[in-house]
Amino acid sequence: MIPEEIKNEILEKLKIIEPLTPNQKKVVDVLNDERKDLVGIFGPTGSGKTFLILVYAIQSVLKDKYKKLVIIRALVNTLTRERVPTLEKEPIKKYIYDVLSRYLEAKHIDKLFEAGLIEVYDPFFLRGYSFDKSIVFVDDAHALTPSEMFEILMHMGIDSRFLFAADPVLQETIREDGARALRQTFEKMEEAAFVDLGIADIIRPGARRAVWLLLKNKMKLKPLTEEEKKCLEVIMKHAPDARVVTVLDLRKLKEEHEIKGETPDFLIVAEAGTVGRILGRGGRRIQAIEKELGARVRVIDFSPSEKILHDLFLAIHPVPGKLRRAIQEIDIRGFKLVVVVAEKVAGVLFGKGGSYVRLVEDAFMQLFGLPLVVETRS
């Protein structure tokens, strides 16, 4: 039993917590909807996934809605990306304290563990366990395979809830992650709910900066086709001091979608502040590059902020001028690129038969592996 004084202290400290963004409010609403016994929260590091789930779970256990909080988390070596056993409680206790340290003291976390209200399990050593009247929380679910996630689900007992958090885009560690597989399997089930948080929901400044580095790294790691390699060689020939992040050949996509607008043949993403090295004085270098390639080339700056998503979208879209002010938001939510546009210009964004938006989606799939979703607002 946890001392009543400690219990009341924890509840008092946690009750003041409020969601800071509209998407975080959606998370809180879904967690408080007890009809949903399978809940998945997707989003980047620092967007509040783990924090909001832990706050809800601890409050629910202390209010005797559930017997205990069961935390299942695969520990992943950040250098080798290999998983290591989670048999010791201390690393998990420290991570819970780190997440909640603005509100709870270490003694509060210790008491929750001592009273058996929080238990830790390794996802690979669950045989023989059944969790009744428990909140089962799988954190970093993207680090588990589909079979491992379904194995955990098999241990859910009576009157329990299954919650998980994942970042399958920016923190992916395996080709096919269990979080995405679970969502695809149960998305239409009435008792399940899934919420996507985005870069705009990131609260920690360090995490926000890290996201842009991860996005840039994804582009750097994109395998280049032979034509893209040739384009890069031509760039380095005429601009030897160029610092190129990636090259994207858009010619086949333009042909496939019958695009004749302003979309370039090659899109070049350059390191921040280095576009001028490729353009050259008076545009001489870019003119020489285009002449040798016999293709239209557009160069954009990798700005480590929300601006890069806007710049990429407008650089690829066939009629960027009409959309520049009409796009209200572009964000990566869950594992989708979400574009919010003014309703009156939605037709311009989509193009004839949706050809424009399919072109942009195919390009973003090559860059980040992200499908595109368009939302309209009046």
Protein backbone atom coordinates (compact mmCIF):
# COMPACT_ATOMS: atom_id res chain seq x y z
CA MET A 1 0.00 0.00 0.00
CA ILE A 2 1.19 3.48 -0.80
CA PRO A 3 0.98 5.95 2.14
CA GLU A 4 -2.13 8.12 1.84
CA GLU A 5 -0.02 11.26 2.26
CA ILE A 6 2.22 10.35 -0.71
CA LYS A 7 -0.80 9.32 -2.79
CA ASN A 8 -2.52 12.66 -2.22
CA GLU A 9 0.72 14.55 -2.92
CA ILE A 10 1.12 12.84 -6.29
CA LEU A 11 -2.52 13.40 -7.31
CA GLU A 12 -2.33 17.04 -6.27
CA LYS A 13 0.84 17.63 -8.29
CA LEU A 14 -0.47 15.86 -11.40
CA LYS A 15 -3.93 17.41 -11.49
CA ILE A 16 -2.55 20.81 -12.56
CA ILE A 17 -1.16 19.39 -15.83
CA GLU A 18 -2.93 20.63 -18.95
CA PRO A 19 -2.30 19.82 -22.64
CA LEU A 20 -0.34 22.57 -24.40
CA THR A 21 -1.49 22.03 -27.99
CA PRO A 22 -4.77 21.04 -29.71
CA ASN A 23 -3.29 17.66 -30.67
CA GLN A 24 -2.20 17.00 -27.08
CA LYS A 25 -5.79 17.78 -26.05
CA LYS A 26 -6.91 15.00 -28.43
CA VAL A 27 -4.53 12.62 -26.64
CA VAL A 28 -5.97 13.52 -23.23
CA ASP A 29 -9.54 13.11 -24.50
CA VAL A 30 -8.80 9.67 -25.94
CA LEU A 31 -7.03 8.52 -22.77
CA ASN A 32 -9.99 9.62 -20.66
CA ASP A 33 -12.40 7.69 -22.88
CA GLU A 34 -12.50 4.37 -21.02
CA ARG A 35 -14.44 2.77 -23.91
CA LYS A 36 -11.18 2.73 -25.88
CA ASP A 37 -9.19 -0.21 -24.52
CA LEU A 38 -6.48 -0.02 -27.22
CA VAL A 39 -4.88 3.39 -27.70
CA GLY A 40 -1.84 4.30 -29.80
CA ILE A 41 -0.12 7.68 -29.75
CA PHE A 42 2.23 8.45 -32.64
CA GLY A 43 4.61 11.40 -32.86
CA PRO A 44 8.18 12.66 -32.61
CA THR A 45 10.34 12.74 -29.50
CA GLY A 46 9.40 15.60 -27.20
CA SER A 47 5.78 15.90 -28.34
CA GLY A 48 4.39 14.59 -25.04
CA LYS A 49 3.45 10.98 -25.89
CA THR A 50 5.08 9.27 -22.92
CA PHE A 51 4.43 12.17 -20.55
CA LEU A 52 0.67 12.30 -21.13
CA ILE A 53 0.27 8.52 -20.96
CA LEU A 54 2.25 8.26 -17.69
CA VAL A 55 0.28 11.11 -16.09
CA TYR A 56 -3.03 9.49 -17.05
CA ALA A 57 -1.90 6.00 -15.98
CA ILE A 58 -0.53 7.03 -12.57
CA GLN A 59 -3.66 9.06 -11.79
CA SER A 60 -5.91 6.15 -12.81
CA VAL A 61 -4.01 3.64 -10.66
CA LEU A 62 -4.01 5.94 -7.61
CA LYS A 63 -7.76 6.46 -8.03
CA ASP A 64 -8.18 2.66 -7.95
CA LYS A 65 -9.51 2.43 -11.51
CA TYR A 66 -6.77 -0.12 -12.19
CA LYS A 67 -4.56 -2.29 -9.98
CA LYS A 68 -1.26 -1.31 -11.52
CA LEU A 69 0.65 0.25 -14.40
CA VAL A 70 2.65 -2.29 -16.38
CA ILE A 71 5.46 -0.72 -18.42
CA ILE A 72 6.93 -2.73 -21.26
CA ARG A 73 9.81 -1.06 -23.03
CA ALA A 74 12.58 -2.31 -25.27
CA LEU A 75 15.90 -0.63 -24.47
CA VAL A 76 17.79 0.24 -27.65
CA ASN A 77 21.50 1.06 -27.90
CA THR A 78 21.54 4.52 -29.52
CA LEU A 79 24.82 3.80 -31.31
CA THR A 80 24.37 0.25 -32.58
CA ARG A 81 20.52 0.31 -32.67
CA GLU A 82 20.62 -3.13 -31.03
CA ARG A 83 18.09 -4.01 -28.35
CA VAL A 84 19.21 -5.00 -24.86
CA PRO A 85 17.23 -6.80 -22.09
CA THR A 86 15.05 -4.69 -19.76
CA LEU A 87 15.42 -6.86 -16.68
CA GLU A 88 16.48 -4.11 -14.26
CA LYS A 89 13.95 -1.63 -12.85
CA GLU A 90 16.44 1.18 -12.25
CA PRO A 91 16.80 2.37 -15.88
CA ILE A 92 12.99 2.50 -16.21
CA LYS A 93 12.61 4.29 -12.86
CA LYS A 94 15.14 6.89 -13.98
CA TYR A 95 13.38 7.39 -17.29
CA ILE A 96 9.98 7.84 -15.56
CA TYR A 97 11.52 10.32 -13.16
CA ASP A 98 13.13 12.17 -16.06
CA VAL A 99 9.80 12.43 -17.88
CA LEU A 100 7.87 13.61 -14.79
CA SER A 101 10.64 15.45 -12.90
CA ARG A 102 8.98 18.86 -13.27
CA TYR A 103 6.07 17.59 -11.19
CA LEU A 104 7.14 14.59 -9.11
CA GLU A 105 10.13 13.90 -6.89
CA ALA A 106 12.20 10.72 -6.94
CA LYS A 107 10.58 9.63 -3.66
CA HIS A 108 7.17 9.62 -5.34
CA ILE A 109 8.36 7.31 -8.12
CA ASP A 110 10.10 5.05 -5.57
CA LYS A 111 6.91 4.71 -3.51
CA LEU A 112 4.86 3.79 -6.58
CA PHE A 113 7.33 0.97 -7.35
CA GLU A 114 7.57 -0.17 -3.71
CA ALA A 115 3.78 -0.41 -3.49
CA GLY A 116 3.67 -2.52 -6.65
CA LEU A 117 1.62 0.09 -8.47
CA ILE A 118 4.21 0.25 -11.27
CA GLU A 119 5.82 -2.90 -12.64
CA VAL A 120 8.39 -3.26 -15.41
CA TYR A 121 8.60 -6.15 -17.86
CA ASP A 122 10.93 -7.03 -20.68
CA PRO A 123 9.00 -7.52 -23.94
CA PHE A 124 10.97 -10.71 -24.60
CA PHE A 125 10.25 -12.39 -21.25
CA LEU A 126 6.47 -12.36 -20.86
CA ARG A 127 5.63 -16.05 -21.02
CA GLY A 128 3.34 -17.10 -18.17
CA TYR A 129 2.12 -13.57 -17.31
CA SER A 130 -1.44 -12.26 -17.62
CA PHE A 131 -2.29 -8.65 -16.79
CA ASP A 132 -5.78 -8.20 -15.30
CA LYS A 133 -7.27 -4.82 -14.39
CA SER A 134 -4.04 -3.15 -15.46
CA ILE A 135 -2.87 -0.37 -17.73
CA VAL A 136 -0.29 -1.95 -20.00
CA PHE A 137 1.92 0.71 -21.55
CA VAL A 138 4.37 -0.16 -24.35
CA ASP A 139 6.76 2.73 -24.93
CA ASP A 140 8.95 3.06 -28.02
CA ALA A 141 6.70 0.53 -29.72
CA HIS A 142 8.37 1.29 -33.06
CA ALA A 143 11.39 -0.70 -31.79
CA LEU A 144 9.33 -3.90 -31.69
CA THR A 145 8.35 -6.14 -34.58
CA PRO A 146 4.69 -6.90 -35.40
CA SER A 147 5.00 -10.40 -33.92
CA GLU A 148 6.47 -8.99 -30.70
CA MET A 149 3.65 -6.44 -30.37
CA PHE A 150 0.99 -9.07 -30.96
CA GLU A 151 2.70 -11.33 -28.41
CA ILE A 152 2.38 -8.57 -25.78
CA LEU A 153 -1.27 -8.09 -26.72
CA MET A 154 -1.90 -11.77 -26.02
CA HIS A 155 -1.06 -11.21 -22.34
CA MET A 156 -3.81 -8.64 -21.84
CA GLY A 157 -6.23 -9.88 -19.20
CA ILE A 158 -9.70 -8.84 -17.99
CA ASP A 159 -10.61 -5.14 -17.54
CA SER A 160 -7.25 -3.88 -18.81
CA ARG A 161 -6.21 -1.15 -21.26
CA PHE A 162 -3.42 -1.41 -23.81
CA LEU A 163 -1.61 1.88 -24.48
CA PHE A 164 1.44 2.40 -26.67
CA ALA A 165 3.59 5.25 -27.93
CA ALA A 166 5.70 5.26 -31.08
CA ASP A 167 7.72 7.41 -33.45
CA PRO A 168 7.86 5.25 -36.57
CA VAL A 169 9.21 8.00 -38.85
CA LEU A 170 12.03 9.83 -37.08
CA GLN A 171 13.20 7.11 -34.65
CA GLU A 172 12.70 4.01 -36.77
CA THR A 173 14.97 1.14 -35.80
CA ILE A 174 13.52 -1.73 -37.84
CA ARG A 175 12.08 -2.04 -41.33
CA GLU A 176 8.62 -3.20 -40.26
CA ASP A 177 7.58 -1.85 -36.87
CA GLY A 178 4.93 -3.34 -34.62
CA ALA A 179 3.26 -0.02 -33.80
CA ARG A 180 2.33 0.63 -37.41
CA ALA A 181 1.22 -2.99 -37.90
CA LEU A 182 -1.03 -2.82 -34.83
CA ARG A 183 -2.61 0.39 -36.09
CA GLN A 184 -3.24 -1.02 -39.54
CA THR A 185 -4.87 -4.09 -37.99
CA PHE A 186 -7.16 -2.36 -35.48
CA GLU A 187 -7.73 1.13 -36.93
CA LYS A 188 -11.36 0.40 -37.83
CA MET A 189 -12.19 -1.25 -34.49
CA GLU A 190 -14.62 0.79 -32.40
CA GLU A 191 -12.75 0.05 -29.16
CA ALA A 192 -9.44 1.35 -30.57
CA ALA A 193 -8.21 4.92 -30.99
CA PHE A 194 -5.07 6.44 -32.48
CA VAL A 195 -3.79 10.02 -32.25
CA ASP A 196 -1.04 11.63 -34.30
CA LEU A 197 1.19 14.30 -32.78
CA GLY A 198 3.44 16.41 -34.99
CA ILE A 199 6.56 18.52 -34.97
CA ALA A 200 4.37 21.48 -33.99
CA ASP A 201 3.54 19.62 -30.74
CA ILE A 202 7.17 19.28 -29.64
CA ILE A 203 7.68 21.15 -26.39
CA ARG A 204 11.38 20.57 -25.67
CA PRO A 205 13.64 22.98 -27.64
CA GLY A 206 16.40 20.37 -27.92
CA ALA A 207 14.03 17.78 -29.35
CA ARG A 208 12.73 20.29 -31.89
CA ARG A 209 16.26 20.99 -33.14
CA ALA A 210 17.04 17.28 -33.24
CA VAL A 211 14.03 16.64 -35.49
CA TRP A 212 15.45 18.84 -38.23
CA LEU A 213 18.82 17.06 -38.00
CA LEU A 214 17.03 13.70 -38.29
CA LEU A 215 15.09 14.91 -41.34
CA LYS A 216 18.28 16.14 -42.97
CA ASN A 217 19.97 12.82 -42.21
CA LYS A 218 17.06 10.97 -43.86
CA MET A 219 17.59 13.02 -47.01
CA LYS A 220 21.35 12.46 -46.91
CA LEU A 221 20.82 8.71 -46.66
CA LYS A 222 18.44 8.57 -49.61
CA PRO A 223 20.04 6.31 -52.23
CA LEU A 224 20.75 8.25 -55.44
CA THR A 225 19.79 6.89 -58.84
CA GLU A 226 22.37 6.89 -61.62
CA GLU A 227 20.80 10.05 -63.06
CA GLU A 228 20.89 11.76 -59.66
CA LYS A 229 24.56 10.77 -59.25
CA LYS A 230 25.30 12.26 -62.67
CA CYS A 231 23.52 15.48 -61.65
CA LEU A 232 25.60 15.64 -58.47
CA GLU A 233 28.80 15.14 -60.45
CA VAL A 234 27.87 18.03 -62.77
CA ILE A 235 27.12 20.25 -59.77
CA MET A 236 30.48 19.49 -58.17
CA LYS A 237 32.22 20.10 -61.50
CA HIS A 238 30.85 23.64 -61.81
CA ALA A 239 30.52 24.36 -58.07
CA PRO A 240 33.32 22.44 -56.30
CA ASP A 241 32.58 24.21 -53.00
CA ALA A 242 28.91 23.15 -53.05
CA ARG A 243 27.49 21.36 -50.00
CA VAL A 244 24.64 19.19 -51.22
CA VAL A 245 22.26 17.35 -48.87
CA THR A 246 20.46 15.40 -51.60
CA VAL A 247 19.38 15.35 -55.24
CA LEU A 248 15.89 14.40 -56.40
CA ASP A 249 15.16 13.55 -60.03
CA LEU A 250 11.56 14.58 -60.75
CA ARG A 251 11.44 13.92 -64.49
CA LYS A 252 9.81 10.48 -64.35
CA LEU A 253 7.22 11.72 -61.85
CA LYS A 254 6.44 14.71 -64.07
CA GLU A 255 5.99 12.41 -67.04
CA GLU A 256 3.89 9.91 -65.08
CA HIS A 257 1.52 12.61 -63.80
CA GLU A 258 1.63 14.68 -67.01
CA ILE A 259 2.93 17.79 -65.26
CA LYS A 260 3.81 20.91 -67.27
CA GLY A 261 3.96 23.57 -64.54
CA GLU A 262 6.93 25.06 -62.69
CA THR A 263 8.16 21.76 -61.22
CA PRO A 264 11.89 21.43 -61.97
CA ASP A 265 13.56 18.38 -63.50
CA PHE A 266 16.03 18.15 -60.60
CA LEU A 267 15.55 19.44 -57.06
CA ILE A 268 18.75 20.12 -55.12
CA VAL A 269 18.70 20.55 -51.35
CA ALA A 270 21.79 22.41 -50.15
CA GLU A 271 23.17 22.89 -46.65
CA ALA A 272 21.86 26.01 -44.90
CA GLY A 273 23.37 29.20 -46.28
CA THR A 274 25.16 27.55 -49.22
CA VAL A 275 22.69 27.94 -52.11
CA GLY A 276 24.77 30.80 -53.50
CA ARG A 277 27.70 28.46 -54.07
CA ILE A 278 25.63 26.48 -56.58
CA LEU A 279 23.96 29.50 -58.18
CA GLY A 280 27.23 31.39 -58.67
CA ARG A 281 27.69 35.09 -59.32
CA GLY A 282 24.93 36.33 -61.57
CA GLY A 283 23.62 32.75 -61.80
CA ARG A 284 26.55 31.63 -63.96
CA ARG A 285 27.14 28.33 -62.20
CA ILE A 286 23.52 27.18 -62.25
CA GLN A 287 23.24 28.16 -65.91
CA ALA A 288 26.28 26.02 -66.75
CA ILE A 289 24.85 23.12 -64.71
CA GLU A 290 21.48 23.31 -66.47
CA LYS A 291 23.13 23.58 -69.88
CA GLU A 292 25.27 20.48 -69.35
CA LEU A 293 22.38 18.47 -67.92
CA GLY A 294 19.87 19.77 -70.45
CA ALA A 295 17.41 20.06 -67.56
CA ARG A 296 15.79 22.61 -65.25
CA VAL A 297 17.35 22.66 -61.80
CA ARG A 298 15.98 24.25 -58.64
CA VAL A 299 18.11 24.70 -55.53
CA ILE A 300 16.68 25.25 -52.06
CA ASP A 301 18.26 25.89 -48.68
CA PHE A 302 17.91 23.33 -45.89
CA SER A 303 16.53 25.64 -43.23
CA PRO A 304 16.48 23.77 -39.88
CA SER A 305 12.91 24.81 -39.07
CA GLU A 306 9.32 24.30 -40.20
CA LYS A 307 10.29 26.34 -43.25
CA ILE A 308 12.04 23.39 -44.90
CA LEU A 309 8.77 21.46 -45.30
CA HIS A 310 7.12 24.51 -46.88
CA ASP A 311 10.12 25.10 -49.14
CA LEU A 312 10.19 21.48 -50.30
CA PHE A 313 6.45 21.43 -50.97
CA LEU A 314 6.49 24.67 -52.96
CA ALA A 315 9.66 23.71 -54.85
CA ILE A 316 7.96 20.53 -56.11
CA HIS A 317 4.39 21.73 -56.65
CA PRO A 318 3.65 22.86 -60.26
CA VAL A 319 1.93 26.16 -59.24
CA PRO A 320 3.69 27.34 -56.06
CA GLY A 321 2.81 31.00 -56.49
CA LYS A 322 -0.89 30.42 -55.87
CA LEU A 323 -0.23 28.35 -52.75
CA ARG A 324 2.49 30.33 -51.01
CA ARG A 325 0.10 32.17 -48.71
CA ALA A 326 -2.77 29.67 -48.84
CA ILE A 327 -0.90 26.85 -47.03
CA GLN A 328 -1.64 27.29 -43.34
CA GLU A 329 0.42 24.42 -41.97
CA ILE A 330 2.69 21.59 -43.07
CA ASP A 331 3.68 19.06 -40.43
CA ILE A 332 4.75 15.46 -39.99
CA ARG A 333 2.09 13.91 -37.77
CA GLY A 334 2.51 10.28 -36.85
CA PHE A 335 3.75 8.75 -40.09
CA LYS A 336 2.00 11.14 -42.48
CA LEU A 337 2.84 14.49 -44.01
CA VAL A 338 -0.18 16.69 -43.26
CA VAL A 339 -0.81 19.80 -45.37
CA VAL A 340 -3.47 22.24 -44.17
CA VAL A 341 -4.67 24.59 -46.91
CA ALA A 342 -7.36 27.24 -47.29
CA GLU A 343 -10.52 25.60 -48.62
CA LYS A 344 -10.93 28.09 -51.46
CA VAL A 345 -7.64 27.07 -53.09
CA ALA A 346 -7.78 23.33 -52.41
CA GLY A 347 -8.48 22.71 -56.10
CA VAL A 348 -5.23 24.44 -57.04
CA LEU A 349 -3.30 22.24 -54.64
CA PHE A 350 -4.86 19.02 -55.98
CA GLY A 351 -4.65 19.88 -59.69
CA LYS A 352 -6.60 18.19 -62.45
CA GLY A 353 -7.65 14.74 -61.27
CA GLY A 354 -5.39 15.12 -58.23
CA SER A 355 -2.25 15.01 -60.40
CA TYR A 356 -0.44 17.84 -58.58
CA VAL A 357 -0.88 16.41 -55.10
CA ARG A 358 0.08 12.89 -56.27
CA LEU A 359 3.30 14.31 -57.73
CA VAL A 360 4.18 15.97 -54.42
CA GLU A 361 3.26 12.85 -52.44
CA ASP A 362 5.44 10.63 -54.62
CA ALA A 363 8.35 13.04 -54.19
CA PHE A 364 7.97 13.11 -50.39
CA MET A 365 7.74 9.33 -50.39
CA GLN A 366 11.16 9.24 -52.04
CA LEU A 367 12.61 11.76 -49.59
CA PHE A 368 11.07 10.58 -46.31
CA GLY A 369 8.77 7.61 -47.02
CA LEU A 370 5.76 9.70 -46.01
CA PRO A 371 2.26 9.54 -47.50
CA LEU A 372 0.53 12.92 -47.86
CA VAL A 373 -2.80 13.94 -46.30
CA VAL A 374 -4.52 17.22 -47.17
CA GLU A 375 -6.80 19.00 -44.68
CA THR A 376 -8.84 22.05 -45.64
CA ARG A 377 -9.92 24.96 -43.48
CA SER A 378 -12.19 27.85 -44.29
